[in-house]
C-alpha atoms as a PDB file:
ATOM      1  CA  MET A   1     -51.936 -36.173  60.226  1.00  0.00           C
ATOM      2  CA  ALA A   2     -52.253 -35.171  56.694  1.00  0.00           C
ATOM      3  CA  LEU A   3     -52.579 -31.275  57.808  1.00  0.00           C
ATOM      4  CA  ARG A   4     -49.280 -31.713  59.736  1.00  0.00           C
ATOM      5  CA  LEU A   5     -47.524 -33.413  56.537  1.00  0.00           C
ATOM      6  CA  GLY A   6     -48.813 -30.570  54.407  1.00  0.00           C
ATOM      7  CA  ILE A   7     -47.619 -27.878  56.697  1.00  0.00           C
ATOM      8  CA  PHE A   8     -44.138 -29.718  56.882  1.00  0.00           C
ATOM      9  CA  LEU A   9     -43.832 -29.906  53.184  1.00  0.00           C
ATOM     10  CA  ILE A  10     -44.729 -26.281  52.787  1.00  0.00           C
ATOM     11  CA  TRP A  11     -42.157 -25.221  55.442  1.00  0.00           C
ATOM     12  CA  ALA A  12     -39.524 -27.530  53.926  1.00  0.00           C
ATOM     13  CA  GLY A  13     -40.071 -26.127  50.482  1.00  0.00           C
ATOM     14  CA  ALA A  14     -40.041 -22.661  51.667  1.00  0.00           C
ATOM     15  CA  SER A  15     -36.821 -23.244  53.696  1.00  0.00           C
ATOM     16  CA  VAL A  16     -34.967 -24.711  50.529  1.00  0.00           C
ATOM     17  CA  PHE A  17     -36.215 -21.747  48.421  1.00  0.00           C
ATOM     18  CA  LEU A  18     -35.195 -19.120  50.828  1.00  0.00           C
ATOM     19  CA  GLN A  19     -31.571 -20.527  50.849  1.00  0.00           C
ATOM     20  CA  LEU A  20     -31.261 -19.900  47.308  1.00  0.00           C
ATOM     21  CA  ASP A  21     -29.984 -16.689  45.882  1.00  0.00           C
ATOM     22  CA  PRO A  22     -32.231 -15.822  42.809  1.00  0.00           C
ATOM     23  CA  VAL A  23     -30.577 -16.176  39.520  1.00  0.00           C
ATOM     24  CA  ASN A  24     -31.023 -13.006  37.642  1.00  0.00           C
ATOM     25  CA  GLY A  25     -30.774 -12.575  33.932  1.00  0.00           C
ATOM     26  CA  GLY A  26     -27.436 -13.060  32.676  1.00  0.00           C
ATOM     27  CA  ASP A  27     -25.997 -14.927  35.756  1.00  0.00           C
ATOM     28  CA  GLY A  28     -24.546 -18.224  34.588  1.00  0.00           C
ATOM     29  CA  CYS A  29     -22.391 -20.846  35.828  1.00  0.00           C
ATOM     30  CA  VAL A  30     -18.691 -19.852  36.286  1.00  0.00           C
ATOM     31  CA  PHE A  31     -15.876 -22.363  35.701  1.00  0.00           C
ATOM     32  CA  PRO A  32     -13.826 -23.314  37.240  1.00  0.00           C
ATOM     33  CA  PHE A  33     -15.265 -22.693  40.671  1.00  0.00           C
ATOM     34  CA  ILE A  34     -14.104 -23.604  44.084  1.00  0.00           C
ATOM     35  CA  TYR A  35     -16.501 -25.682  46.458  1.00  0.00           C
ATOM     36  CA  GLY A  36     -15.347 -27.128  49.712  1.00  0.00           C
ATOM     37  CA  GLY A  37     -11.779 -26.529  48.939  1.00  0.00           C
ATOM     38  CA  LYS A  38     -12.020 -28.537  45.516  1.00  0.00           C
ATOM     39  CA  THR A  39     -11.943 -27.011  42.101  1.00  0.00           C
ATOM     40  CA  TYR A  40     -14.598 -27.871  39.633  1.00  0.00           C
ATOM     41  CA  PHE A  41     -14.245 -27.515  35.985  1.00  0.00           C
ATOM     42  CA  ASP A  42     -17.793 -28.513  35.101  1.00  0.00           C
ATOM     43  CA  CYS A  43     -21.200 -29.027  36.608  1.00  0.00           C
ATOM     44  CA  ALA A  44     -21.014 -31.280  39.604  1.00  0.00           C
ATOM     45  CA  VAL A  45     -23.363 -33.251  41.856  1.00  0.00           C
ATOM     46  CA  ARG A  46     -22.565 -31.904  45.322  1.00  0.00           C
ATOM     47  CA  ALA A  47     -25.060 -31.684  48.243  1.00  0.00           C
ATOM     48  CA  SER A  48     -27.932 -32.190  45.526  1.00  0.00           C
ATOM     49  CA  ILE A  49     -29.253 -34.838  43.305  1.00  0.00           C
ATOM     50  CA  PHE A  50     -29.026 -32.708  40.318  1.00  0.00           C
ATOM     51  CA  ARG A  51     -25.838 -31.441  38.397  1.00  0.00           C
ATOM     52  CA  CYS A  52     -25.304 -27.790  39.695  1.00  0.00           C
ATOM     53  CA  CYS A  53     -22.672 -25.019  39.454  1.00  0.00           C
ATOM     54  CA  ALA A  54     -21.548 -21.977  41.341  1.00  0.00           C
ATOM     55  CA  LEU A  55     -22.359 -18.591  40.159  1.00  0.00           C
ATOM     56  CA  ASN A  56     -19.016 -17.264  41.570  1.00  0.00           C
ATOM     57  CA  ALA A  57     -15.503 -18.478  41.056  1.00  0.00           C
ATOM     58  CA  ASP A  58     -15.363 -18.955  44.919  1.00  0.00           C
ATOM     59  CA  TYR A  59     -18.561 -20.552  46.057  1.00  0.00           C
ATOM     60  CA  ILE A  60     -20.377 -18.105  48.502  1.00  0.00           C
ATOM     61  CA  GLY A  61     -23.798 -19.767  48.416  1.00  0.00           C
ATOM     62  CA  ARG A  62     -24.943 -18.684  44.886  1.00  0.00           C
ATOM     63  CA  TRP A  63     -25.479 -21.679  42.670  1.00  0.00           C
ATOM     64  CA  LYS A  64     -28.150 -22.994  40.290  1.00  0.00           C
ATOM     65  CA  ASN A  65     -28.961 -26.408  38.596  1.00  0.00           C
ATOM     66  CA  CYS A  66     -27.279 -26.948  35.270  1.00  0.00           C
ATOM     67  CA  THR A  67     -28.970 -27.017  31.977  1.00  0.00           C
ATOM     68  CA  ARG A  68     -27.484 -28.254  28.744  1.00  0.00           C
ATOM     69  CA  LYS A  69     -26.308 -24.698  27.963  1.00  0.00           C
ATOM     70  CA  ASP A  70     -24.511 -24.517  31.324  1.00  0.00           C
ATOM     71  CA  HIS A  71     -21.704 -27.220  31.139  1.00  0.00           C
ATOM     72  CA  ALA A  72     -18.010 -25.996  30.794  1.00  0.00           C
ATOM     73  CA  LYS A  73     -16.750 -25.213  27.337  1.00  0.00           C
ATOM     74  CA  ARG A  74     -13.852 -26.848  25.743  1.00  0.00           C
ATOM     75  CA  THR A  75     -10.339 -25.330  26.191  1.00  0.00           C
ATOM     76  CA  PHE A  76      -8.037 -24.956  23.210  1.00  0.00           C
ATOM     77  CA  PRO A  77      -5.096 -25.379  23.176  1.00  0.00           C
ATOM     78  CA  PHE A  78      -4.545 -27.833  26.004  1.00  0.00           C
ATOM     79  CA  ILE A  79      -1.652 -29.813  27.277  1.00  0.00           C
ATOM     80  CA  TYR A  80      -1.814 -33.794  27.402  1.00  0.00           C
ATOM     81  CA  ARG A  81       1.159 -35.791  28.550  1.00  0.00           C
ATOM     82  CA  GLY A  82       3.353 -32.743  27.781  1.00  0.00           C
ATOM     83  CA  LYS A  83       1.923 -32.340  24.115  1.00  0.00           C
ATOM     84  CA  ILE A  84      -0.219 -29.356  23.010  1.00  0.00           C
ATOM     85  CA  TYR A  85      -3.445 -30.236  21.327  1.00  0.00           C
ATOM     86  CA  GLU A  86      -5.310 -27.642  19.241  1.00  0.00           C
ATOM     87  CA  SER A  87      -8.454 -30.005  18.779  1.00  0.00           C
ATOM     88  CA  CYS A  88     -10.240 -32.818  20.313  1.00  0.00           C
ATOM     89  CA  THR A  89      -8.276 -36.122  20.233  1.00  0.00           C
ATOM     90  CA  LYS A  90      -8.608 -39.871  20.615  1.00  0.00           C
ATOM     91  CA  THR A  91      -5.218 -40.181  22.251  1.00  0.00           C
ATOM     92  CA  GLY A  92      -5.588 -41.877  25.559  1.00  0.00           C
ATOM     93  CA  SER A  93      -9.284 -42.659  25.040  1.00  0.00           C
ATOM     94  CA  ILE A  94     -10.260 -46.130  26.269  1.00  0.00           C
ATOM     95  CA  PHE A  95     -13.404 -46.261  23.990  1.00  0.00           C
ATOM     96  CA  TRP A  96     -11.575 -44.261  21.084  1.00  0.00           C
ATOM     97  CA  ARG A  97     -13.977 -41.379  21.442  1.00  0.00           C
ATOM     98  CA  ARG A  98     -12.747 -37.959  20.821  1.00  0.00           C
ATOM     99  CA  TRP A  99     -12.256 -35.860  24.025  1.00  0.00           C
ATOM    100  CA  CYS A 100     -10.801 -32.543  25.076  1.00  0.00           C
ATOM    101  CA  SER A 101      -9.685 -30.728  28.156  1.00  0.00           C
ATOM    102  CA  LEU A 102     -11.720 -28.282  30.040  1.00  0.00           C
ATOM    103  CA  SER A 103      -8.614 -26.484  31.483  1.00  0.00           C
ATOM    104  CA  PRO A 104      -5.487 -25.375  29.503  1.00  0.00           C
ATOM    105  CA  ASN A 105      -3.364 -28.017  31.404  1.00  0.00           C
ATOM    106  CA  PHE A 106      -4.904 -31.471  31.493  1.00  0.00           C
ATOM    107  CA  ASP A 107      -1.940 -32.915  32.919  1.00  0.00           C
ATOM    108  CA  GLN A 108      -2.390 -30.745  36.066  1.00  0.00           C
ATOM    109  CA  ASP A 109      -6.079 -30.584  36.362  1.00  0.00           C
ATOM    110  CA  ARG A 110      -7.456 -33.909  34.909  1.00  0.00           C
ATOM    111  CA  ALA A 111     -10.727 -32.095  33.778  1.00  0.00           C
ATOM    112  CA  TRP A 112     -12.078 -33.466  30.464  1.00  0.00           C
ATOM    113  CA  ARG A 113     -15.281 -34.171  28.437  1.00  0.00           C
ATOM    114  CA  TYR A 114     -16.114 -36.168  25.459  1.00  0.00           C
ATOM    115  CA  CYS A 115     -16.463 -33.819  22.145  1.00  0.00           C
END
């Protein structure tokens, strides 16, 4: 039984490894990216227990787990409620924390993060 379990784990690990395209030096997350018909502006938990991102604007099977360096960059200026913001703002924040958009038009894309 232990031998079968060991062989299964090796097979499962090899199967997962073979499905991944190698991430070569210089390849990083591309934002925004499209996965399953939805646009993502930051790392996302999709078909994984870890936050991940695509390495192409239109996901074609190349992805990687996100690190602290991989998260989407802030976008300035951005539009929120029809007004242009040049920096982080507390406007509209429930907890009065500064936030900013991850796209040029928050009103359209609803992509944001805390600053």
